[in-house]
């Protein structure tokens, strides 16, 4: 760690940033154990700890003027680990059964994206602001996340004269991430209790982590290393898949191609195929579920603890109004469209937790919401197949056409 910019910025190295992320994850776990509300409503542990840490760092900035900046290079590696585990855990049977629900959720999500932009434009017009400002509080920042907001903000600033476009986009993405992290669990809890829903098969292996009431499963060092080896093999294959697709004009985030690689390896190679490790392919094994839980939790903890809340305080007023409207719209669509369309069953409730994450936040938020719900109520393999495919792949494609349509 070192102070730069005249002693006003404390630069935290990548290794120390990961250490902070692990500490924040443990902090969230302790908070959820002590505060019953957080556990009852399935608030993800990294969200509980991450928000507390970001508030503490904001207080440090307010009292000392020192800004803490984390090097998040290793955080992105954790995201690759997580999505590769999801691919490895995906069975062909789940993929086939997820075909119709996947199409339904894609259609609903794309329709919702139009509604989200119209909501943003409608609310900012009440303040006499340009309609393009509404897009910054729409799919550019909410369902698109920080990356999309940062990518589009310079163009909006240059072509439409909105000089603080970047600040508005980042502020909406930040608040949206917080709201998305907080609403998924309560939505699923309400639906599960209201309709008395249960998983079809209790006792099934978990996709992420273990159920709260599940007895500890022994994982040896070789089980863990075998799972790591499988993840690295799929990550290498994912690199070549991404390179091949890029040659034909299709660009995918690296973690998506790793997800596809995991699916291919799990479903094309016979389960009893001889391996150097002497073990079967570790799909849905306890070691794989633990790695998924650790990588996702640490990634989200690092993302939330690094939010610079002081940079968006000045924009809080009008943005809160827009986001309040967006939360209401997302909640209504989730309860009255997504849940019935997905079948009104337990899987549908878990999908709603995920949709609560992607509607205002980002892919990892959706996955953390679903992980928190399934740890409490039981597994949902369908949700962990359908939701990541929609939010990690189709949303970016749809946004690439929807944003220019509204700007045009």
Foldseek 3Di string as FASTA:
>chain_A
DDADPVRQEAEAEQVVLLVVLVVLLVVLVVVCVVDVVCLLLLQFSLLSSLQVLQVVQLVVCVVPVHHYAYDNPVLVVLLLLQLLLLLLQDEPVLVVVLPVVLVQVLVLVLVVQVVQLVLLQVLVVVVVDDSVLSVLLGCQPFLVNLVSQVVCQVVCCVPVVPVCSSLSNNLLQLVLQSQLSRPLSNQLSCLCVVVVFADPDFPAQASAAAAPPDDDDDDDPLNLVLLVVSLVVLLVVLVVVQVVCVVVPDHAPSSVSSSVSSNCVNHVDDQVDDDPSRHGSQHSNNSSNHSSHVSLSSSSSSVSSNDNVVSNPVVCVSSVSSVVSLLVSLSCCLVPPQCVVSPSHSLSSLLSSLSSNSSGHANSSSVSSSVSNCSHRHHRSSSSVSSCCSSRPVSVVSCVPVSVVVVD
